[in-house]
């Protein structure tokens, strides 16, 4: 099981979630964050930290954002997005 970053993160990119992740499974894209599905241990520590409620358990992703399951896997495994472990200024505040 894994968690997924969905549409609300796009253009915001708050990083509060990455500092509580015990396995460093978040990856940083240009416009949002992604969770590597094979690295996530389903601890849920990141869920309450997201101020825009963009992180969902894979079984609870709203239908309109189901494509983010595949997108998170693709982006986190592509090598184009680096692992992120430290809090940064969000895009929403820039």
N, C-alpha and C. Protein backbone atom coordinates (compact mmCIF):
# COMPACT_ATOMS: atom_id res chain seq x y z
N UNK A 1 0.84 -1.18 0.00
CA UNK A 1 0.00 0.00 0.00
C UNK A 1 0.88 1.25 0.00
N UNK A 2 0.32 2.32 -0.51
CA UNK A 2 1.08 3.56 -0.59
C UNK A 2 0.16 4.77 -0.48
N UNK A 3 0.76 5.90 -0.31
CA UNK A 3 0.04 7.16 -0.35
C UNK A 3 0.39 7.87 -1.66
N UNK A 4 -0.46 8.80 -2.06
CA UNK A 4 -0.34 9.46 -3.35
C UNK A 4 -0.53 10.96 -3.15
N UNK A 5 0.31 11.74 -3.82
CA UNK A 5 0.13 13.19 -3.84
C UNK A 5 -0.73 13.50 -5.06
N UNK A 6 -1.80 14.27 -4.85
CA UNK A 6 -2.77 14.53 -5.93
C UNK A 6 -2.83 16.02 -6.28
N UNK A 7 -3.81 16.36 -7.08
CA UNK A 7 -4.00 17.69 -7.69
C UNK A 7 -3.81 18.89 -6.75
N UNK A 8 -4.30 18.86 -5.50
CA UNK A 8 -4.17 20.06 -4.67
C UNK A 8 -2.72 20.52 -4.46
N UNK A 9 -1.76 19.63 -4.64
CA UNK A 9 -0.34 20.00 -4.48
C UNK A 9 0.18 20.76 -5.70
N UNK A 10 -0.44 20.57 -6.83
CA UNK A 10 0.05 21.16 -8.08
C UNK A 10 0.02 22.69 -7.98
N UNK A 11 1.19 23.30 -8.07
CA UNK A 11 1.29 24.74 -7.98
C UNK A 11 1.47 25.26 -6.57
N UNK A 12 1.33 24.41 -5.59
CA UNK A 12 1.52 24.80 -4.19
C UNK A 12 2.88 24.33 -3.70
N UNK A 13 3.06 23.02 -3.76
CA UNK A 13 4.31 22.35 -3.38
C UNK A 13 4.76 22.71 -1.96
N UNK A 14 3.84 22.59 -1.01
CA UNK A 14 4.24 22.71 0.38
C UNK A 14 5.09 21.49 0.72
N UNK A 15 6.09 21.67 1.55
CA UNK A 15 6.99 20.56 1.86
C UNK A 15 6.96 20.16 3.33
N UNK A 16 5.92 20.53 4.02
CA UNK A 16 5.77 20.15 5.43
C UNK A 16 5.80 18.63 5.59
N UNK A 17 5.28 17.94 4.59
CA UNK A 17 5.16 16.48 4.63
C UNK A 17 6.50 15.76 4.57
N UNK A 18 7.46 16.33 3.87
CA UNK A 18 8.72 15.62 3.66
C UNK A 18 9.56 15.49 4.92
N UNK A 19 9.45 16.44 5.82
CA UNK A 19 10.28 16.41 7.03
C UNK A 19 9.82 15.35 8.03
N UNK A 20 8.59 14.87 7.92
CA UNK A 20 8.10 13.84 8.84
C UNK A 20 8.19 12.44 8.24
N UNK A 21 8.57 12.33 6.99
CA UNK A 21 8.64 11.03 6.32
C UNK A 21 9.86 10.24 6.82
N UNK A 22 9.64 9.08 7.43
CA UNK A 22 10.76 8.31 7.98
C UNK A 22 11.58 7.56 6.92
N UNK A 23 11.08 7.46 5.71
CA UNK A 23 11.78 6.69 4.68
C UNK A 23 12.21 7.52 3.47
N UNK A 24 12.01 8.81 3.52
CA UNK A 24 12.44 9.72 2.45
C UNK A 24 11.93 9.27 1.07
N UNK A 25 10.60 9.12 0.96
CA UNK A 25 10.00 8.64 -0.28
C UNK A 25 9.37 9.75 -1.12
N UNK A 26 9.61 11.02 -0.75
CA UNK A 26 9.08 12.15 -1.52
C UNK A 26 10.10 12.61 -2.56
N UNK A 27 9.57 12.94 -3.73
CA UNK A 27 10.41 13.43 -4.83
C UNK A 27 9.86 14.77 -5.29
N UNK A 28 10.76 15.68 -5.65
CA UNK A 28 10.36 17.05 -6.00
C UNK A 28 10.34 17.26 -7.50
N UNK A 29 9.15 17.60 -8.02
CA UNK A 29 9.01 18.00 -9.41
C UNK A 29 8.96 19.51 -9.50
N UNK A 30 8.81 20.02 -10.70
CA UNK A 30 8.78 21.48 -10.89
C UNK A 30 7.58 22.12 -10.21
N UNK A 31 6.42 21.47 -10.27
CA UNK A 31 5.18 22.06 -9.78
C UNK A 31 4.57 21.38 -8.56
N UNK A 32 5.06 20.17 -8.23
CA UNK A 32 4.47 19.44 -7.11
C UNK A 32 5.43 18.36 -6.61
N UNK A 33 5.02 17.69 -5.55
CA UNK A 33 5.78 16.58 -4.99
C UNK A 33 5.15 15.26 -5.42
N UNK A 34 5.94 14.20 -5.34
CA UNK A 34 5.46 12.86 -5.69
C UNK A 34 5.95 11.89 -4.63
N UNK A 35 5.19 10.81 -4.42
CA UNK A 35 5.57 9.76 -3.49
C UNK A 35 5.93 8.52 -4.29
N UNK A 36 7.09 7.94 -3.99
CA UNK A 36 7.51 6.70 -4.64
C UNK A 36 6.71 5.55 -4.04
N UNK A 37 5.92 4.84 -4.84
CA UNK A 37 5.01 3.82 -4.31
C UNK A 37 5.71 2.63 -3.68
N UNK A 38 6.91 2.32 -4.08
CA UNK A 38 7.62 1.17 -3.51
C UNK A 38 8.43 1.55 -2.28
N UNK A 39 8.63 2.83 -2.05
CA UNK A 39 9.38 3.28 -0.89
C UNK A 39 8.48 3.68 0.27
N UNK A 40 7.26 4.08 -0.03
CA UNK A 40 6.31 4.49 1.01
C UNK A 40 5.95 3.30 1.88
N UNK A 41 6.01 3.49 3.20
CA UNK A 41 5.68 2.40 4.13
C UNK A 41 4.28 2.56 4.73
N UNK A 42 3.51 3.48 4.18
CA UNK A 42 2.11 3.64 4.58
C UNK A 42 1.95 4.02 6.05
N UNK A 43 2.87 4.85 6.55
CA UNK A 43 2.82 5.23 7.97
C UNK A 43 1.82 6.34 8.24
N UNK A 44 1.42 7.07 7.21
CA UNK A 44 0.46 8.17 7.29
C UNK A 44 0.96 9.42 8.01
N UNK A 45 2.24 9.48 8.33
CA UNK A 45 2.77 10.65 9.03
C UNK A 45 2.62 11.93 8.20
N UNK A 46 2.68 11.80 6.90
CA UNK A 46 2.62 12.96 6.01
C UNK A 46 1.21 13.54 5.84
N UNK A 47 0.21 12.72 5.99
CA UNK A 47 -1.16 13.13 5.69
C UNK A 47 -1.61 14.36 6.48
N UNK A 48 -1.48 14.37 7.81
CA UNK A 48 -1.95 15.56 8.55
C UNK A 48 -1.05 16.78 8.37
N UNK A 49 0.14 16.59 7.84
CA UNK A 49 1.07 17.71 7.65
C UNK A 49 0.78 18.53 6.40
N UNK A 50 0.02 17.99 5.47
CA UNK A 50 -0.24 18.68 4.20
C UNK A 50 -1.32 19.74 4.40
N UNK A 51 -0.97 21.02 4.25
CA UNK A 51 -1.95 22.08 4.50
C UNK A 51 -3.05 22.18 3.43
N UNK A 52 -2.84 21.55 2.28
CA UNK A 52 -3.87 21.61 1.22
C UNK A 52 -4.57 20.27 1.03
N UNK A 53 -4.32 19.33 1.93
CA UNK A 53 -4.96 18.01 1.91
C UNK A 53 -4.80 17.33 0.55
N UNK A 54 -3.55 17.24 0.10
CA UNK A 54 -3.26 16.66 -1.22
C UNK A 54 -2.81 15.22 -1.16
N UNK A 55 -2.62 14.65 0.04
CA UNK A 55 -2.08 13.30 0.17
C UNK A 55 -3.20 12.34 0.57
N UNK A 56 -3.32 11.28 -0.23
CA UNK A 56 -4.38 10.29 -0.03
C UNK A 56 -3.80 8.89 -0.01
N UNK A 57 -4.43 8.00 0.75
CA UNK A 57 -4.10 6.59 0.64
C UNK A 57 -4.54 6.15 -0.75
N UNK A 58 -3.81 5.25 -1.38
CA UNK A 58 -4.12 4.86 -2.76
C UNK A 58 -5.55 4.36 -2.94
N UNK A 59 -6.13 3.78 -1.91
CA UNK A 59 -7.51 3.30 -2.00
C UNK A 59 -8.54 4.41 -1.86
N UNK A 60 -8.10 5.59 -1.44
CA UNK A 60 -9.03 6.69 -1.18
C UNK A 60 -8.83 7.91 -2.08
N UNK A 61 -8.05 7.75 -3.14
CA UNK A 61 -7.85 8.86 -4.07
C UNK A 61 -9.18 9.15 -4.77
N UNK A 62 -9.64 10.39 -4.75
CA UNK A 62 -10.90 10.71 -5.44
C UNK A 62 -10.82 10.32 -6.92
N UNK A 63 -11.94 9.90 -7.46
CA UNK A 63 -11.99 9.41 -8.84
C UNK A 63 -11.37 10.38 -9.84
N UNK A 64 -11.61 11.67 -9.67
CA UNK A 64 -11.09 12.64 -10.63
C UNK A 64 -9.57 12.77 -10.59
N UNK A 65 -8.93 12.19 -9.57
CA UNK A 65 -7.47 12.27 -9.44
C UNK A 65 -6.80 10.89 -9.49
N UNK A 66 -7.50 9.87 -9.94
CA UNK A 66 -6.93 8.51 -10.02
C UNK A 66 -5.67 8.47 -10.88
N UNK A 67 -5.57 9.36 -11.87
CA UNK A 67 -4.39 9.37 -12.73
C UNK A 67 -3.11 9.72 -11.95
N UNK A 68 -3.26 10.29 -10.76
CA UNK A 68 -2.09 10.64 -9.95
C UNK A 68 -1.41 9.40 -9.38
N UNK A 69 -2.11 8.28 -9.31
CA UNK A 69 -1.47 7.03 -8.90
C UNK A 69 -0.31 6.71 -9.84
N UNK A 70 -0.59 6.72 -11.13
CA UNK A 70 0.42 6.43 -12.14
C UNK A 70 1.44 7.56 -12.23
N UNK A 71 0.99 8.79 -12.12
CA UNK A 71 1.89 9.94 -12.22
C UNK A 71 2.93 9.93 -11.10
N UNK A 72 2.51 9.64 -9.87
CA UNK A 72 3.46 9.57 -8.75
C UNK A 72 4.52 8.51 -9.02
N UNK A 73 4.09 7.34 -9.49
CA UNK A 73 5.03 6.26 -9.78
C UNK A 73 6.00 6.66 -10.89
N UNK A 74 5.46 7.21 -11.97
CA UNK A 74 6.30 7.61 -13.10
C UNK A 74 7.33 8.66 -12.71
N UNK A 75 6.87 9.70 -12.06
CA UNK A 75 7.77 10.82 -11.73
C UNK A 75 8.82 10.44 -10.68
N UNK A 76 8.42 9.67 -9.68
CA UNK A 76 9.36 9.32 -8.62
C UNK A 76 10.39 8.30 -9.09
N UNK A 77 10.06 7.53 -10.11
CA UNK A 77 10.97 6.50 -10.60
C UNK A 77 11.77 6.95 -11.82
N UNK A 78 11.47 8.12 -12.37
CA UNK A 78 12.07 8.56 -13.62
C UNK A 78 13.53 8.98 -13.51
N UNK A 79 13.95 9.39 -12.34
CA UNK A 79 15.30 9.92 -12.18
C UNK A 79 15.38 11.41 -12.44
N UNK A 80 14.27 12.00 -12.92
CA UNK A 80 14.23 13.43 -13.20
C UNK A 80 13.90 14.26 -11.97
N UNK A 81 13.30 13.63 -10.97
CA UNK A 81 12.88 14.33 -9.76
C UNK A 81 13.75 13.85 -8.60
N UNK A 82 14.45 14.77 -7.94
CA UNK A 82 15.30 14.37 -6.82
C UNK A 82 14.50 14.11 -5.55
N UNK A 83 15.07 13.30 -4.68
CA UNK A 83 14.49 13.07 -3.35
C UNK A 83 14.52 14.41 -2.62
N UNK A 84 13.47 14.68 -1.87
CA UNK A 84 13.42 15.91 -1.06
C UNK A 84 13.19 15.51 0.39
N UNK A 85 14.01 16.04 1.29
CA UNK A 85 13.91 15.69 2.71
C UNK A 85 13.84 16.91 3.62
N UNK A 86 14.03 18.09 3.05
CA UNK A 86 14.01 19.31 3.86
C UNK A 86 12.92 20.26 3.39
N UNK A 87 12.39 20.99 4.35
CA UNK A 87 11.32 21.94 4.04
C UNK A 87 11.87 23.11 3.22
N UNK A 88 11.11 23.51 2.20
CA UNK A 88 11.45 24.64 1.33
C UNK A 88 10.26 25.59 1.28
N UNK A 89 10.51 26.78 0.75
CA UNK A 89 9.42 27.73 0.55
C UNK A 89 8.48 27.18 -0.52
N UNK A 90 7.18 27.11 -0.24
CA UNK A 90 6.24 26.57 -1.23
C UNK A 90 6.04 27.52 -2.41
N UNK A 91 5.66 26.96 -3.54
CA UNK A 91 5.35 27.78 -4.71
C UNK A 91 4.22 28.75 -4.42
N UNK A 92 3.28 28.33 -3.58
CA UNK A 92 2.11 29.16 -3.26
C UNK A 92 2.50 30.48 -2.60
N UNK A 93 3.67 30.51 -1.96
CA UNK A 93 4.11 31.71 -1.25
C UNK A 93 5.13 32.53 -2.03
N UNK A 94 5.48 32.08 -3.23
CA UNK A 94 6.52 32.78 -4.00
C UNK A 94 5.91 33.84 -4.89
